[in-house]
Amino acid sequence: MLHTPRVAVGLALAVGLALAVVLDTALGAANVHLKPPNSEPTFIDGGLTLNATGALAGLGNGDVLVSLVAQANVTAICSNQGGHAAPGQNPPDVTVSGGQAIPENELKNGNTPFNVTTIAPVAIIPGAPGCSNPNWTEEITDLSFTSAVITVEQPVGTTVLTVSCTIDPPSVNGLVPRDAVSCQ
């Protein structure tokens, strides 16, 4: 009987410590944010791709996955069967995406830079949906990005940060001006 209170206290301490470790691990990545002084990502329009760079802080333990999904207005050339371009076509907007895996051993004190680029869409669109005739050829020649969403997962499968950005006016090739980007 004398050992029962000690066992109960010891068990309570062990459970409390285990719970604290679990909460610390789970919540360790709960304060993930873009690291100042650049609390918004930098975007570069690569013509058919969008690149986002920045730095993350507040990460916990585990591998990190940074994903980028972007919406863009399409510039395309529609050519008839004779190979002649037909002006005045209106191709639909497109969504492109990309990801960057960052292993846990590359994190430094809960911080890491990221540099993620979308994958270019297929340049020749089968069936030419943005052209007057499905027998024509539709070739995407440029994307003007209008929005981007950066998602950070840690561990992979657990979202710890989502940053939604609007690009207005839509981007043109090269560095996207900071005053054209608004993120939340």
N, C-alpha and C. Protein backbone atom coordinates (compact mmCIF):
# COMPACT_ATOMS: atom_id res chain seq x y z
N MET A 1 0.80 -1.19 0.00
CA MET A 1 0.00 0.00 0.00
C MET A 1 0.85 1.27 0.00
N LEU A 2 2.02 1.22 0.60
CA LEU A 2 2.86 2.41 0.64
C LEU A 2 3.38 2.77 -0.75
N HIS A 3 3.53 1.79 -1.61
CA HIS A 3 4.06 2.06 -2.95
C HIS A 3 2.99 2.55 -3.92
N THR A 4 1.72 2.36 -3.62
CA THR A 4 0.64 2.74 -4.52
C THR A 4 0.62 4.24 -4.80
N PRO A 5 0.72 5.12 -3.81
CA PRO A 5 0.75 6.55 -4.13
C PRO A 5 1.97 6.92 -4.97
N ARG A 6 3.13 6.31 -4.67
CA ARG A 6 4.33 6.63 -5.46
C ARG A 6 4.15 6.17 -6.91
N VAL A 7 3.59 4.98 -7.06
CA VAL A 7 3.35 4.46 -8.41
C VAL A 7 2.35 5.36 -9.14
N ALA A 8 1.30 5.76 -8.43
CA ALA A 8 0.29 6.63 -9.05
C ALA A 8 0.89 7.97 -9.43
N VAL A 9 1.70 8.54 -8.55
CA VAL A 9 2.35 9.83 -8.85
C VAL A 9 3.33 9.65 -10.00
N GLY A 10 4.12 8.57 -9.94
CA GLY A 10 5.07 8.31 -11.02
C GLY A 10 4.38 8.09 -12.35
N LEU A 11 3.28 7.34 -12.31
CA LEU A 11 2.51 7.11 -13.53
C LEU A 11 1.92 8.41 -14.06
N ALA A 12 1.40 9.23 -13.18
CA ALA A 12 0.84 10.52 -13.59
C ALA A 12 1.91 11.42 -14.19
N LEU A 13 3.11 11.41 -13.59
CA LEU A 13 4.21 12.20 -14.15
C LEU A 13 4.62 11.67 -15.52
N ALA A 14 4.70 10.36 -15.64
CA ALA A 14 5.08 9.77 -16.93
C ALA A 14 4.06 10.09 -18.01
N VAL A 15 2.78 9.97 -17.68
CA VAL A 15 1.72 10.30 -18.64
C VAL A 15 1.77 11.78 -18.99
N GLY A 16 1.97 12.61 -17.99
CA GLY A 16 2.06 14.05 -18.23
C GLY A 16 3.24 14.40 -19.13
N LEU A 17 4.40 13.78 -18.88
CA LEU A 17 5.56 14.02 -19.71
C LEU A 17 5.33 13.54 -21.14
N ALA A 18 4.76 12.35 -21.27
CA ALA A 18 4.47 11.82 -22.61
C ALA A 18 3.51 12.72 -23.36
N LEU A 19 2.48 13.20 -22.66
CA LEU A 19 1.53 14.12 -23.28
C LEU A 19 2.20 15.42 -23.68
N ALA A 20 3.09 15.92 -22.84
CA ALA A 20 3.81 17.16 -23.16
C ALA A 20 4.68 16.99 -24.39
N VAL A 21 5.34 15.82 -24.50
CA VAL A 21 6.18 15.56 -25.67
C VAL A 21 5.32 15.47 -26.92
N VAL A 22 4.19 14.76 -26.83
CA VAL A 22 3.29 14.65 -27.97
C VAL A 22 2.76 16.02 -28.37
N LEU A 23 2.32 16.80 -27.41
CA LEU A 23 1.80 18.13 -27.72
C LEU A 23 2.89 19.02 -28.28
N ASP A 24 4.10 18.94 -27.70
CA ASP A 24 5.19 19.76 -28.20
C ASP A 24 5.53 19.39 -29.63
N THR A 25 5.55 18.10 -29.93
CA THR A 25 5.84 17.65 -31.30
C THR A 25 4.72 18.08 -32.24
N ALA A 26 3.48 17.90 -31.81
CA ALA A 26 2.34 18.24 -32.66
C ALA A 26 2.22 19.74 -32.83
N LEU A 27 2.45 20.48 -31.75
CA LEU A 27 2.29 21.92 -31.82
C LEU A 27 3.57 22.64 -32.21
N GLY A 28 4.69 21.91 -32.21
CA GLY A 28 5.95 22.52 -32.55
C GLY A 28 5.90 23.16 -33.93
N ALA A 29 5.15 22.59 -34.83
CA ALA A 29 5.02 23.13 -36.18
C ALA A 29 3.75 23.96 -36.32
N ALA A 30 3.06 24.24 -35.21
CA ALA A 30 1.80 24.96 -35.28
C ALA A 30 2.00 26.45 -35.51
N ASN A 31 3.20 26.95 -35.31
CA ASN A 31 3.47 28.37 -35.47
C ASN A 31 4.31 28.63 -36.72
N VAL A 32 4.14 27.81 -37.72
CA VAL A 32 4.91 27.97 -38.95
C VAL A 32 4.47 29.26 -39.65
N HIS A 33 5.46 30.02 -40.10
CA HIS A 33 5.18 31.28 -40.79
C HIS A 33 6.34 31.62 -41.72
N LEU A 34 6.07 32.57 -42.62
CA LEU A 34 7.14 33.05 -43.48
C LEU A 34 8.04 33.93 -42.63
N LYS A 35 9.32 33.71 -42.75
CA LYS A 35 10.29 34.37 -41.89
C LYS A 35 10.51 35.82 -42.31
N PRO A 36 10.37 36.75 -41.36
CA PRO A 36 10.68 38.15 -41.66
C PRO A 36 12.16 38.28 -42.01
N PRO A 37 12.61 39.29 -42.71
CA PRO A 37 11.85 40.50 -43.05
C PRO A 37 10.96 40.34 -44.28
N ASN A 38 11.13 39.27 -45.03
CA ASN A 38 10.30 39.06 -46.23
C ASN A 38 9.15 38.14 -45.86
N SER A 39 8.09 38.70 -45.29
CA SER A 39 6.96 37.88 -44.84
C SER A 39 6.03 37.53 -45.97
N GLU A 40 6.40 37.85 -47.17
CA GLU A 40 5.68 37.39 -48.36
C GLU A 40 6.71 36.74 -49.29
N PRO A 41 6.30 35.71 -50.00
CA PRO A 41 7.25 35.07 -50.91
C PRO A 41 7.61 35.98 -52.08
N THR A 42 8.73 35.68 -52.70
CA THR A 42 9.14 36.35 -53.93
C THR A 42 8.75 35.44 -55.09
N PHE A 43 8.13 36.02 -56.11
CA PHE A 43 7.68 35.24 -57.27
C PHE A 43 8.45 35.67 -58.51
N ILE A 44 8.77 34.69 -59.35
CA ILE A 44 9.38 34.95 -60.66
C ILE A 44 8.56 34.21 -61.70
N ASP A 45 8.07 34.96 -62.69
CA ASP A 45 7.32 34.40 -63.81
C ASP A 45 8.33 33.94 -64.86
N GLY A 46 8.38 32.63 -65.08
CA GLY A 46 9.32 32.06 -66.05
C GLY A 46 8.70 31.80 -67.40
N GLY A 47 7.61 32.49 -67.71
CA GLY A 47 6.93 32.29 -69.00
C GLY A 47 5.85 31.24 -68.86
N LEU A 48 6.23 29.97 -68.72
CA LEU A 48 5.26 28.89 -68.55
C LEU A 48 5.30 28.30 -67.14
N THR A 49 6.16 28.86 -66.28
CA THR A 49 6.27 28.39 -64.89
C THR A 49 6.26 29.58 -63.94
N LEU A 50 5.92 29.30 -62.68
CA LEU A 50 6.02 30.31 -61.62
C LEU A 50 6.91 29.75 -60.54
N ASN A 51 7.85 30.57 -60.08
CA ASN A 51 8.77 30.19 -59.02
C ASN A 51 8.47 31.03 -57.79
N ALA A 52 8.47 30.39 -56.62
CA ALA A 52 8.28 31.10 -55.35
C ALA A 52 9.44 30.78 -54.43
N THR A 53 10.02 31.82 -53.82
CA THR A 53 11.09 31.62 -52.86
C THR A 53 10.76 32.37 -51.58
N GLY A 54 11.35 31.92 -50.51
CA GLY A 54 11.17 32.56 -49.21
C GLY A 54 11.84 31.72 -48.16
N ALA A 55 11.51 32.01 -46.91
CA ALA A 55 12.06 31.24 -45.79
C ALA A 55 10.95 30.97 -44.80
N LEU A 56 10.98 29.78 -44.23
CA LEU A 56 10.00 29.36 -43.23
C LEU A 56 10.63 29.36 -41.85
N ALA A 57 9.85 29.71 -40.85
CA ALA A 57 10.27 29.65 -39.45
C ALA A 57 9.17 28.98 -38.64
N GLY A 58 9.53 28.50 -37.47
CA GLY A 58 8.55 27.89 -36.59
C GLY A 58 8.27 26.43 -36.89
N LEU A 59 9.14 25.79 -37.65
CA LEU A 59 8.94 24.38 -37.99
C LEU A 59 9.30 23.49 -36.81
N GLY A 60 8.68 22.33 -36.77
CA GLY A 60 8.98 21.34 -35.74
C GLY A 60 9.89 20.28 -36.32
N ASN A 61 9.68 19.05 -35.89
CA ASN A 61 10.50 17.93 -36.36
C ASN A 61 9.80 17.23 -37.51
N GLY A 62 10.59 16.73 -38.44
CA GLY A 62 10.03 15.97 -39.56
C GLY A 62 10.34 16.61 -40.89
N ASP A 63 10.19 15.81 -41.93
CA ASP A 63 10.38 16.30 -43.29
C ASP A 63 9.30 17.33 -43.62
N VAL A 64 9.62 18.21 -44.57
CA VAL A 64 8.71 19.29 -44.97
C VAL A 64 8.43 19.15 -46.47
N LEU A 65 7.19 19.41 -46.85
CA LEU A 65 6.82 19.48 -48.27
C LEU A 65 6.21 20.85 -48.50
N VAL A 66 6.79 21.61 -49.44
CA VAL A 66 6.26 22.91 -49.83
C VAL A 66 5.65 22.73 -51.21
N SER A 67 4.35 23.05 -51.33
CA SER A 67 3.65 22.92 -52.61
C SER A 67 3.23 24.29 -53.11
N LEU A 68 3.24 24.47 -54.41
CA LEU A 68 2.82 25.71 -55.06
C LEU A 68 1.80 25.37 -56.13
N VAL A 69 0.63 25.98 -56.04
CA VAL A 69 -0.42 25.83 -57.05
C VAL A 69 -0.75 27.23 -57.54
N ALA A 70 -0.71 27.46 -58.85
CA ALA A 70 -0.91 28.79 -59.41
C ALA A 70 -1.95 28.78 -60.52
N GLN A 71 -2.74 29.84 -60.58
CA GLN A 71 -3.71 30.08 -61.66
C GLN A 71 -3.11 31.10 -62.62
N ALA A 72 -3.37 30.93 -63.90
CA ALA A 72 -2.81 31.85 -64.89
C ALA A 72 -3.74 32.04 -66.07
N ASN A 73 -3.66 33.23 -66.63
CA ASN A 73 -4.29 33.50 -67.93
C ASN A 73 -3.37 32.94 -69.00
N VAL A 74 -3.94 32.36 -70.02
CA VAL A 74 -3.16 31.69 -71.06
C VAL A 74 -3.04 32.57 -72.29
N THR A 75 -1.86 32.63 -72.83
CA THR A 75 -1.65 33.19 -74.17
C THR A 75 -1.31 31.99 -75.05
N ALA A 76 -2.09 31.81 -76.10
CA ALA A 76 -1.88 30.66 -76.97
C ALA A 76 -2.05 31.07 -78.42
N ILE A 77 -1.46 30.29 -79.26
CA ILE A 77 -1.61 30.49 -80.70
C ILE A 77 -2.44 29.34 -81.24
N CYS A 78 -3.52 29.68 -81.93
CA CYS A 78 -4.33 28.68 -82.61
C CYS A 78 -3.95 28.71 -84.09
N SER A 79 -3.60 27.57 -84.60
CA SER A 79 -3.22 27.49 -86.01
C SER A 79 -4.15 26.51 -86.72
N ASN A 80 -4.58 26.92 -87.93
CA ASN A 80 -5.45 26.03 -88.70
C ASN A 80 -4.63 24.90 -89.31
N GLN A 81 -5.30 24.02 -90.03
CA GLN A 81 -4.62 22.85 -90.57
C GLN A 81 -3.51 23.21 -91.55
N GLY A 82 -3.58 24.39 -92.12
CA GLY A 82 -2.53 24.85 -93.03
C GLY A 82 -1.35 25.47 -92.29
N GLY A 83 -1.44 25.54 -90.93
CA GLY A 83 -0.34 26.09 -90.14
C GLY A 83 -0.39 27.60 -89.98
N HIS A 84 -1.51 28.24 -90.37
CA HIS A 84 -1.64 29.69 -90.25
C HIS A 84 -2.28 30.05 -88.91
N ALA A 85 -1.68 31.01 -88.22
CA ALA A 85 -2.20 31.44 -86.91
C ALA A 85 -3.52 32.17 -87.09
N ALA A 86 -4.44 31.92 -86.19
CA ALA A 86 -5.75 32.56 -86.21
C ALA A 86 -5.88 33.43 -84.96
N PRO A 87 -5.93 34.75 -85.14
CA PRO A 87 -6.04 35.64 -83.99
C PRO A 87 -7.44 35.61 -83.37
N GLY A 88 -7.54 36.16 -82.13
CA GLY A 88 -8.85 36.35 -81.51
C GLY A 88 -9.39 35.14 -80.79
N GLN A 89 -8.56 34.16 -80.53
CA GLN A 89 -9.01 32.98 -79.80
C GLN A 89 -8.91 33.25 -78.29
N ASN A 90 -9.72 32.58 -77.52
CA ASN A 90 -9.74 32.80 -76.07
C ASN A 90 -9.53 31.48 -75.33
N PRO A 91 -8.29 31.07 -75.15
CA PRO A 91 -8.06 29.82 -74.42
C PRO A 91 -8.44 29.98 -72.95
N PRO A 92 -8.84 28.90 -72.30
CA PRO A 92 -9.23 28.97 -70.88
C PRO A 92 -8.02 29.18 -69.98
N ASP A 93 -8.29 29.64 -68.75
CA ASP A 93 -7.23 29.76 -67.75
C ASP A 93 -6.69 28.37 -67.44
N VAL A 94 -5.50 28.33 -66.86
CA VAL A 94 -4.86 27.06 -66.56
C VAL A 94 -4.37 27.08 -65.11
N THR A 95 -4.29 25.90 -64.51
CA THR A 95 -3.71 25.73 -63.18
C THR A 95 -2.46 24.88 -63.33
N VAL A 96 -1.36 25.33 -62.71
CA VAL A 96 -0.11 24.57 -62.71
C VAL A 96 0.33 24.39 -61.26
N SER A 97 1.15 23.38 -61.02
CA SER A 97 1.59 23.13 -59.65
C SER A 97 2.99 22.53 -59.63
N GLY A 98 3.59 22.58 -58.45
CA GLY A 98 4.91 21.99 -58.25
C GLY A 98 5.14 21.81 -56.76
N GLY A 99 6.21 21.11 -56.40
CA GLY A 99 6.50 20.88 -55.00
C GLY A 99 7.98 20.75 -54.75
N GLN A 100 8.35 20.99 -53.49
CA GLN A 100 9.73 20.84 -53.05
C GLN A 100 9.73 20.08 -51.73
N ALA A 101 10.43 18.95 -51.70
CA ALA A 101 10.60 18.19 -50.47
C ALA A 101 11.87 18.66 -49.78
N ILE A 102 11.75 18.93 -48.47
CA ILE A 102 12.90 19.37 -47.68
C ILE A 102 13.08 18.37 -46.54
N PRO A 103 14.18 17.61 -46.56
CA PRO A 103 14.40 16.63 -45.49
C PRO A 103 14.63 17.31 -44.14
N GLU A 104 14.24 16.62 -43.08
CA GLU A 104 14.36 17.16 -41.72
C GLU A 104 15.79 17.62 -41.41
N ASN A 105 16.80 16.91 -41.93
CA ASN A 105 18.18 17.26 -41.60
C ASN A 105 18.63 18.59 -42.22
N GLU A 106 17.83 19.17 -43.12
CA GLU A 106 18.17 20.47 -43.69
C GLU A 106 17.55 21.63 -42.90
N LEU A 107 16.72 21.32 -41.90
CA LEU A 107 16.13 22.37 -41.06
C LEU A 107 17.18 22.82 -40.06
N LYS A 108 17.24 24.12 -39.82
CA LYS A 108 18.17 24.69 -38.85
C LYS A 108 17.37 25.48 -37.83
N ASN A 109 17.29 24.95 -36.60
CA ASN A 109 16.55 25.62 -35.52
C ASN A 109 15.13 25.97 -35.94
N GLY A 110 14.46 25.08 -36.65
CA GLY A 110 13.08 25.30 -37.06
C GLY A 110 12.93 26.21 -38.26
N ASN A 111 14.02 26.51 -38.96
CA ASN A 111 14.00 27.41 -40.11
C ASN A 111 14.51 26.68 -41.35
N THR A 112 14.02 27.09 -42.50
CA THR A 112 14.55 26.60 -43.77
C THR A 112 14.12 27.53 -44.90
N PRO A 113 15.00 27.72 -45.88
CA PRO A 113 14.56 28.43 -47.09
C PRO A 113 13.78 27.46 -47.97
N PHE A 114 12.98 28.01 -48.87
CA PHE A 114 12.31 27.17 -49.87
C PHE A 114 12.43 27.84 -51.23
N ASN A 115 12.38 27.02 -52.26
CA ASN A 115 12.50 27.48 -53.64
C ASN A 115 11.73 26.47 -54.49
N VAL A 116 10.48 26.78 -54.79
CA VAL A 116 9.61 25.83 -55.46
C VAL A 116 9.12 26.41 -56.80
N THR A 117 9.08 25.56 -57.81
CA THR A 117 8.67 25.99 -59.16
C THR A 117 7.59 25.06 -59.67
N THR A 118 6.59 25.65 -60.32
CA THR A 118 5.54 24.85 -60.93
C THR A 118 6.09 24.11 -62.15
N ILE A 119 5.40 23.08 -62.54
CA ILE A 119 5.73 22.35 -63.76
C ILE A 119 4.95 22.99 -64.90
N ALA A 120 5.62 23.24 -66.01
CA ALA A 120 4.97 23.86 -67.17
C ALA A 120 3.85 22.96 -67.69
N PRO A 121 2.77 23.58 -68.19
CA PRO A 121 1.71 22.77 -68.77
C PRO A 121 2.16 22.17 -70.10
N VAL A 122 1.42 21.21 -70.57
CA VAL A 122 1.68 20.66 -71.90
C VAL A 122 1.50 21.81 -72.89
N ALA A 123 2.50 22.06 -73.72
CA ALA A 123 2.46 23.22 -74.62
C ALA A 123 1.44 23.06 -75.74
N ILE A 124 1.34 21.88 -76.31
CA ILE A 124 0.36 21.64 -77.38
C ILE A 124 -0.85 20.98 -76.74
N ILE A 125 -2.00 21.65 -76.83
CA ILE A 125 -3.22 21.18 -76.19
C ILE A 125 -3.98 20.27 -77.16
N PRO A 126 -4.14 18.99 -76.79
CA PRO A 126 -4.88 18.08 -77.66
C PRO A 126 -6.33 18.53 -77.83
N GLY A 127 -6.83 18.46 -79.04
CA GLY A 127 -8.22 18.84 -79.32
C GLY A 127 -8.45 20.34 -79.39
N ALA A 128 -7.41 21.14 -79.15
CA ALA A 128 -7.47 22.60 -79.27
C ALA A 128 -8.74 23.20 -78.68
N PRO A 129 -9.03 22.99 -77.38
CA PRO A 129 -10.29 23.48 -76.80
C PRO A 129 -10.45 25.00 -76.80
N GLY A 130 -9.34 25.75 -76.87
CA GLY A 130 -9.45 27.21 -76.91
C GLY A 130 -9.51 27.78 -78.31
N CYS A 131 -9.57 26.91 -79.31
CA CYS A 131 -9.60 27.35 -80.71
C CYS A 131 -10.98 27.08 -81.31
N SER A 132 -11.18 27.63 -82.50
CA SER A 132 -12.48 27.50 -83.17
C SER A 132 -12.78 26.10 -83.68
N ASN A 133 -11.75 25.30 -83.88
CA ASN A 133 -11.94 24.01 -84.52
C ASN A 133 -11.04 22.98 -83.82
N PRO A 134 -11.59 21.83 -83.42
CA PRO A 134 -10.77 20.82 -82.74
C PRO A 134 -9.70 20.19 -83.64
N ASN A 135 -9.77 20.46 -84.94
CA ASN A 135 -8.74 19.96 -85.85
C ASN A 135 -7.55 20.90 -85.93
N TRP A 136 -7.65 22.07 -85.29
CA TRP A 136 -6.56 23.02 -85.28
C TRP A 136 -5.54 22.61 -84.22
N THR A 137 -4.46 23.35 -84.15
CA THR A 137 -3.43 23.16 -83.14
C THR A 137 -3.44 24.36 -82.21
N GLU A 138 -3.48 24.08 -80.90
CA GLU A 138 -3.40 25.14 -79.90
C GLU A 138 -2.08 24.98 -79.15
N GLU A 139 -1.25 26.03 -79.18
CA GLU A 139 0.03 26.00 -78.50
C GLU A 139 0.10 27.11 -77.46
N ILE A 140 0.29 26.72 -76.21
CA ILE A 140 0.45 27.72 -75.14
C ILE A 140 1.83 28.33 -75.27
N THR A 141 1.87 29.65 -75.36
CA THR A 141 3.15 30.35 -75.51
C THR A 141 3.55 31.14 -74.27
N ASP A 142 2.58 31.45 -73.39
CA ASP A 142 2.90 32.23 -72.19
C ASP A 142 1.78 32.08 -71.18
N LEU A 143 2.13 32.23 -69.90
CA LEU A 143 1.16 32.28 -68.82
C LEU A 143 1.35 33.59 -68.06
N SER A 144 0.24 34.24 -67.75
CA SER A 144 0.26 35.44 -66.91
C SER A 144 -0.43 35.05 -65.60
N PHE A 145 0.36 34.93 -64.54
CA PHE A 145 -0.15 34.39 -63.28
C PHE A 145 -0.99 35.42 -62.53
N THR A 146 -2.13 34.93 -62.00
CA THR A 146 -3.08 35.79 -61.29
C THR A 146 -3.20 35.45 -59.81
N SER A 147 -2.83 34.22 -59.43
CA SER A 147 -2.88 33.84 -58.02
C SER A 147 -1.97 32.64 -57.78
N ALA A 148 -1.60 32.48 -56.51
CA ALA A 148 -0.75 31.36 -56.12
C ALA A 148 -1.07 30.98 -54.68
N VAL A 149 -1.02 29.69 -54.41
CA VAL A 149 -1.23 29.18 -53.05
C VAL A 149 -0.02 28.32 -52.71
N ILE A 150 0.63 28.68 -51.59
CA ILE A 150 1.76 27.91 -51.08
C ILE A 150 1.25 27.15 -49.86
N THR A 151 1.47 25.84 -49.86
CA THR A 151 1.05 25.00 -48.74
C THR A 151 2.29 24.31 -48.18
N VAL A 152 2.40 24.34 -46.85
CA VAL A 152 3.52 23.70 -46.17
C VAL A 152 2.97 22.55 -45.33
N GLU A 153 3.55 21.38 -45.50
CA GLU A 153 3.16 20.20 -44.73
C GLU A 153 4.34 19.74 -43.89
N GLN A 154 4.07 19.44 -42.61
CA GLN A 154 5.08 18.85 -41.73
C GLN A 154 4.39 18.14 -40.58
N PRO A 155 4.55 16.84 -40.47
CA PRO A 155 5.14 15.95 -41.46
C PRO A 155 4.28 15.93 -42.72
N VAL A 156 4.82 15.34 -43.77
CA VAL A 156 4.10 15.28 -45.03
C VAL A 156 2.73 14.65 -44.77
N GLY A 157 1.69 15.35 -45.23
CA GLY A 157 0.32 14.91 -45.00
C GLY A 157 -0.40 15.76 -43.97
N THR A 158 0.36 16.56 -43.19
CA THR A 158 -0.22 17.44 -42.18
C THR A 158 0.06 18.88 -42.57
N THR A 159 -0.97 19.63 -42.97
CA THR A 159 -0.79 21.02 -43.38
C THR A 159 -0.58 21.90 -42.15
N VAL A 160 0.53 22.66 -42.17
CA VAL A 160 0.85 23.55 -41.05
C VAL A 160 0.83 25.02 -41.46
N LEU A 161 0.77 25.29 -42.76
CA LEU A 161 0.71 26.68 -43.23
C LEU A 161 0.14 26.70 -44.65
N THR A 162 -0.77 27.65 -44.88
CA THR A 162 -1.28 27.92 -46.23
C THR A 162 -1.20 29.42 -46.44
N VAL A 163 -0.54 29.82 -47.51
CA VAL A 163 -0.42 31.23 -47.87
C VAL A 163 -1.07 31.41 -49.24
N SER A 164 -2.14 32.23 -49.28
CA SER A 164 -2.84 32.51 -50.54
C SER A 164 -2.47 33.90 -51.01
N CYS A 165 -2.00 33.98 -52.25
CA CYS A 165 -1.54 35.26 -52.81
C CYS A 165 -2.31 35.60 -54.09
N THR A 166 -2.61 36.87 -54.23
CA THR A 166 -3.21 37.41 -55.45
C THR A 166 -2.13 38.21 -56.16
N ILE A 167 -2.07 38.07 -57.48
CA ILE A 167 -1.11 38.84 -58.29
C ILE A 167 -1.93 39.75 -59.19
N ASP A 168 -1.87 41.05 -58.90
CA ASP A 168 -2.68 42.02 -59.64
C ASP A 168 -1.88 43.30 -59.84
N PRO A 169 -1.57 43.64 -61.09
CA PRO A 169 -2.00 43.02 -62.34
C PRO A 169 -1.31 41.67 -62.54
N PRO A 170 -1.87 40.85 -63.45
CA PRO A 170 -1.26 39.55 -63.74
C PRO A 170 0.22 39.71 -64.12
N SER A 171 0.99 38.70 -63.80
CA SER A 171 2.44 38.77 -64.01
C SER A 171 2.81 38.80 -65.49
N VAL A 172 3.99 39.34 -65.72
CA VAL A 172 4.64 39.26 -67.03
C VAL A 172 5.99 38.60 -66.76
N ASN A 173 6.63 38.09 -67.76
CA ASN A 173 7.88 37.36 -67.56
C ASN A 173 8.86 38.14 -66.71
N GLY A 174 9.50 37.44 -65.76
CA GLY A 174 10.50 38.04 -64.89
C GLY A 174 10.00 38.17 -63.46
N LEU A 175 10.72 38.95 -62.68
CA LEU A 175 10.39 39.16 -61.27
C LEU A 175 9.03 39.84 -61.15
N VAL A 176 8.16 39.28 -60.32
CA VAL A 176 6.85 39.87 -60.08
C VAL A 176 7.02 40.97 -59.04
N PRO A 177 6.65 42.22 -59.36
CA PRO A 177 6.85 43.32 -58.40
C PRO A 177 6.13 43.05 -57.07
N ARG A 178 6.79 43.36 -55.96
CA ARG A 178 6.20 43.12 -54.64
C ARG A 178 4.87 43.83 -54.47
N ASP A 179 4.71 45.01 -55.06
CA ASP A 179 3.46 45.74 -54.88
C ASP A 179 2.30 45.14 -55.70
N ALA A 180 2.62 44.16 -56.55
CA ALA A 180 1.57 43.45 -57.31
C ALA A 180 1.09 42.21 -56.55
N VAL A 181 1.77 41.86 -55.44
CA VAL A 181 1.46 40.64 -54.71
C VAL A 181 0.83 40.98 -53.37
N SER A 182 -0.29 40.34 -53.08
CA SER A 182 -0.97 40.50 -51.80
C SER A 182 -1.25 39.10 -51.25
N CYS A 183 -0.69 38.79 -50.08
CA CYS A 183 -0.82 37.44 -49.52
C CYS A 183 -1.53 37.47 -48.17
N GLN A 184 -2.22 36.37 -47.90
CA GLN A 184 -2.88 36.16 -46.60
C GLN A 184 -2.54 34.80 -46.10
